[in-house]
Amino acid sequence: MAYSQSLAQQIRKILALKLPPQIFEEELEEKKLFGGLAFMIRGKMVLTVSSRKDELVMVRIGKEMEKQVLPRTGAHTTLMRGRPYHGYINLDIEGQKELPYWIDLALSYNQELTK
C-alpha cells in the first residue's frame, strides 16, 4: 500500500508556511523511510506519512514532549516491531485534524537536534 499523496501534499503546504523559505527550498528533503515518505530537515526526520492504514502520520517530537502529548485525542505511542519507539508518536485520523500543531512540535524538536 502506498502512502497518501494528498496527506503528503497537505504536509508540504503546512511546512511551506511554517519554515523560512531558504530552509524549505534548500534543507527540506523527502525520503522513502519506514514504508512511507519522510520529511527531513538537516538530515533529521521531522515526520513520516506512512503506508499503514490505521495510523498514517508518525511525528518526531522527543521523549519529554511525548509524555505530555499522549493524552491528546488522536495521539498514540509509536510501536516498532511491537515495542514502544519513544520520542515519536503516531497520529490517527483525529490527530491529523491538528496537523499544524503537531508539525510545530516536530519542527521545534528538529531545531533542538540540529543546533
C-alpha atoms as a PDB file:
ATOM      1  CA  MET A   1       0.000   0.000   0.000  1.00  0.00           C
ATOM      2  CA  ALA A   2       1.332   3.437  -0.926  1.00  0.00           C
ATOM      3  CA  TYR A   3       1.300   6.447   1.375  1.00  0.00           C
ATOM      4  CA  SER A   4      -1.411   9.080   0.965  1.00  0.00           C
ATOM      5  CA  GLN A   5      -0.336  11.570  -1.706  1.00  0.00           C
ATOM      6  CA  SER A   6      -2.977  14.064  -0.567  1.00  0.00           C
ATOM      7  CA  LEU A   7      -1.749  13.911   3.033  1.00  0.00           C
ATOM      8  CA  ALA A   8       1.852  14.375   1.865  1.00  0.00           C
ATOM      9  CA  GLN A   9       0.761  17.424  -0.136  1.00  0.00           C
ATOM     10  CA  GLN A  10      -1.079  18.842   2.885  1.00  0.00           C
ATOM     11  CA  ILE A  11       2.118  18.458   4.943  1.00  0.00           C
ATOM     12  CA  ARG A  12       4.174  20.189   2.224  1.00  0.00           C
ATOM     13  CA  LYS A  13       1.790  23.151   2.281  1.00  0.00           C
ATOM     14  CA  ILE A  14       1.976  23.454   6.077  1.00  0.00           C
ATOM     15  CA  LEU A  15       5.780  23.194   6.027  1.00  0.00           C
ATOM     16  CA  ALA A  16       5.951  25.882   3.329  1.00  0.00           C
ATOM     17  CA  LEU A  17       4.010  28.227   5.619  1.00  0.00           C
ATOM     18  CA  LYS A  18       5.981  27.437   8.770  1.00  0.00           C
ATOM     19  CA  LEU A  19       9.558  27.253   7.502  1.00  0.00           C
ATOM     20  CA  PRO A  20      11.712  30.138   6.332  1.00  0.00           C
ATOM     21  CA  PRO A  21      11.847  29.993   2.507  1.00  0.00           C
ATOM     22  CA  GLN A  22      15.563  29.169   2.427  1.00  0.00           C
ATOM     23  CA  ILE A  23      15.144  26.163   4.725  1.00  0.00           C
ATOM     24  CA  PHE A  24      12.047  24.968   2.856  1.00  0.00           C
ATOM     25  CA  GLU A  25      13.802  25.205  -0.507  1.00  0.00           C
ATOM     26  CA  GLU A  26      17.318  24.079   0.432  1.00  0.00           C
ATOM     27  CA  GLU A  27      17.188  21.916   3.550  1.00  0.00           C
ATOM     28  CA  LEU A  28      13.865  20.085   3.433  1.00  0.00           C
ATOM     29  CA  GLU A  29      14.251  16.591   1.973  1.00  0.00           C
ATOM     30  CA  GLU A  30      11.740  13.888   1.231  1.00  0.00           C
ATOM     31  CA  LYS A  31      12.934  10.283   1.552  1.00  0.00           C
ATOM     32  CA  LYS A  32      11.286   6.903   1.464  1.00  0.00           C
ATOM     33  CA  LEU A  33      11.534   5.614   5.035  1.00  0.00           C
ATOM     34  CA  PHE A  34       9.587   3.279   7.342  1.00  0.00           C
ATOM     35  CA  GLY A  35       7.455   2.166   4.394  1.00  0.00           C
ATOM     36  CA  GLY A  36       6.302   5.718   3.719  1.00  0.00           C
ATOM     37  CA  LEU A  37       7.549   9.199   2.904  1.00  0.00           C
ATOM     38  CA  ALA A  38       9.714  11.000   5.465  1.00  0.00           C
ATOM     39  CA  PHE A  39      10.129  14.760   5.631  1.00  0.00           C
ATOM     40  CA  MET A  40      13.616  15.612   6.892  1.00  0.00           C
ATOM     41  CA  ILE A  41      15.456  18.820   7.725  1.00  0.00           C
ATOM     42  CA  ARG A  42      19.249  18.839   8.010  1.00  0.00           C
ATOM     43  CA  GLY A  43      19.216  15.043   7.790  1.00  0.00           C
ATOM     44  CA  LYS A  44      16.868  14.572  10.760  1.00  0.00           C
ATOM     45  CA  MET A  45      13.371  13.192  10.397  1.00  0.00           C
ATOM     46  CA  VAL A  46      10.527  15.589  11.216  1.00  0.00           C
ATOM     47  CA  LEU A  47       7.572  13.370  10.331  1.00  0.00           C
ATOM     48  CA  THR A  48       6.573  10.499   8.075  1.00  0.00           C
ATOM     49  CA  VAL A  49       3.470   9.755   6.068  1.00  0.00           C
ATOM     50  CA  SER A  50       3.069   6.017   6.455  1.00  0.00           C
ATOM     51  CA  SER A  51       1.577   3.420   4.180  1.00  0.00           C
ATOM     52  CA  ARG A  52      -0.124   1.814   7.182  1.00  0.00           C
ATOM     53  CA  LYS A  53      -3.881   2.029   7.023  1.00  0.00           C
ATOM     54  CA  ASP A  54      -4.580   2.600  10.726  1.00  0.00           C
ATOM     55  CA  GLU A  55      -2.074   5.367  11.591  1.00  0.00           C
ATOM     56  CA  LEU A  56      -0.904   7.450   8.704  1.00  0.00           C
ATOM     57  CA  VAL A  57       1.456  10.008  10.302  1.00  0.00           C
ATOM     58  CA  MET A  58       4.448   9.467  12.610  1.00  0.00           C
ATOM     59  CA  VAL A  59       5.797  12.651  14.214  1.00  0.00           C
ATOM     60  CA  ARG A  60       9.211  13.026  15.894  1.00  0.00           C
ATOM     61  CA  ILE A  61       8.778  15.215  18.960  1.00  0.00           C
ATOM     62  CA  GLY A  62      11.252  13.862  21.543  1.00  0.00           C
ATOM     63  CA  LYS A  63      10.749  11.783  24.679  1.00  0.00           C
ATOM     64  CA  GLU A  64       9.852  14.647  27.015  1.00  0.00           C
ATOM     65  CA  MET A  65       7.159  16.061  24.752  1.00  0.00           C
ATOM     66  CA  GLU A  66       5.840  12.565  24.040  1.00  0.00           C
ATOM     67  CA  LYS A  67       4.850  12.179  27.694  1.00  0.00           C
ATOM     68  CA  GLN A  68       2.990  15.489  27.641  1.00  0.00           C
ATOM     69  CA  VAL A  69       1.002  14.985  24.446  1.00  0.00           C
ATOM     70  CA  LEU A  70      -0.054  11.340  24.573  1.00  0.00           C
ATOM     71  CA  PRO A  71      -3.284  12.211  26.418  1.00  0.00           C
ATOM     72  CA  ARG A  72      -4.394  14.294  23.392  1.00  0.00           C
ATOM     73  CA  THR A  73      -7.066  12.857  21.145  1.00  0.00           C
ATOM     74  CA  GLY A  74      -5.605  11.079  18.149  1.00  0.00           C
ATOM     75  CA  ALA A  75      -2.054  10.680  19.519  1.00  0.00           C
ATOM     76  CA  HIS A  76      -0.688   7.191  20.127  1.00  0.00           C
ATOM     77  CA  THR A  77       2.599   5.623  21.153  1.00  0.00           C
ATOM     78  CA  THR A  78       4.625   4.627  18.118  1.00  0.00           C
ATOM     79  CA  LEU A  79       5.334   0.912  18.052  1.00  0.00           C
ATOM     80  CA  MET A  80       8.128  -0.712  16.060  1.00  0.00           C
ATOM     81  CA  ARG A  81       8.026  -4.487  15.951  1.00  0.00           C
ATOM     82  CA  GLY A  82       5.553  -4.411  18.833  1.00  0.00           C
ATOM     83  CA  ARG A  83       7.730  -2.287  21.132  1.00  0.00           C
ATOM     84  CA  PRO A  84       7.352   1.398  22.072  1.00  0.00           C
ATOM     85  CA  TYR A  85       9.521   3.696  19.964  1.00  0.00           C
ATOM     86  CA  HIS A  86       9.937   6.637  22.310  1.00  0.00           C
ATOM     87  CA  GLY A  87      10.314  10.173  21.066  1.00  0.00           C
ATOM     88  CA  TYR A  88       7.812   9.587  18.284  1.00  0.00           C
ATOM     89  CA  ILE A  89       4.021   9.496  18.209  1.00  0.00           C
ATOM     90  CA  ASN A  90       1.538   8.252  15.661  1.00  0.00           C
ATOM     91  CA  LEU A  91      -1.442  10.342  14.650  1.00  0.00           C
ATOM     92  CA  ASP A  92      -4.683   8.714  13.658  1.00  0.00           C
ATOM     93  CA  ILE A  93      -7.346  10.492  11.603  1.00  0.00           C
ATOM     94  CA  GLU A  94      -8.494  12.505  14.659  1.00  0.00           C
ATOM     95  CA  GLY A  95      -4.955  13.604  15.482  1.00  0.00           C
ATOM     96  CA  GLN A  96      -4.384  14.704  11.910  1.00  0.00           C
ATOM     97  CA  LYS A  97      -7.096  17.327  12.320  1.00  0.00           C
ATOM     98  CA  GLU A  98      -4.497  19.272  14.340  1.00  0.00           C
ATOM     99  CA  LEU A  99      -1.645  18.665  11.912  1.00  0.00           C
ATOM    100  CA  PRO A 100      -0.257  22.252  12.109  1.00  0.00           C
ATOM    101  CA  TYR A 101       0.078  21.861  15.910  1.00  0.00           C
ATOM    102  CA  TRP A 102       1.978  18.574  15.547  1.00  0.00           C
ATOM    103  CA  ILE A 103       4.213  19.975  12.831  1.00  0.00           C
ATOM    104  CA  ASP A 104       5.092  22.903  15.131  1.00  0.00           C
ATOM    105  CA  LEU A 105       6.191  20.440  17.820  1.00  0.00           C
ATOM    106  CA  ALA A 106       8.191  18.391  15.329  1.00  0.00           C
ATOM    107  CA  LEU A 107       9.926  21.460  13.891  1.00  0.00           C
ATOM    108  CA  SER A 108      10.785  22.680  17.378  1.00  0.00           C
ATOM    109  CA  TYR A 109      12.342  19.326  18.255  1.00  0.00           C
ATOM    110  CA  ASN A 110      14.187  19.218  14.940  1.00  0.00           C
ATOM    111  CA  GLN A 111      15.744  22.593  15.774  1.00  0.00           C
ATOM    112  CA  GLU A 112      17.000  21.182  19.080  1.00  0.00           C
ATOM    113  CA  LEU A 113      18.570  18.223  17.277  1.00  0.00           C
ATOM    114  CA  THR A 114      20.311  20.298  14.647  1.00  0.00           C
ATOM    115  CA  LYS A 115      21.806  23.092  16.789  1.00  0.00           C
END
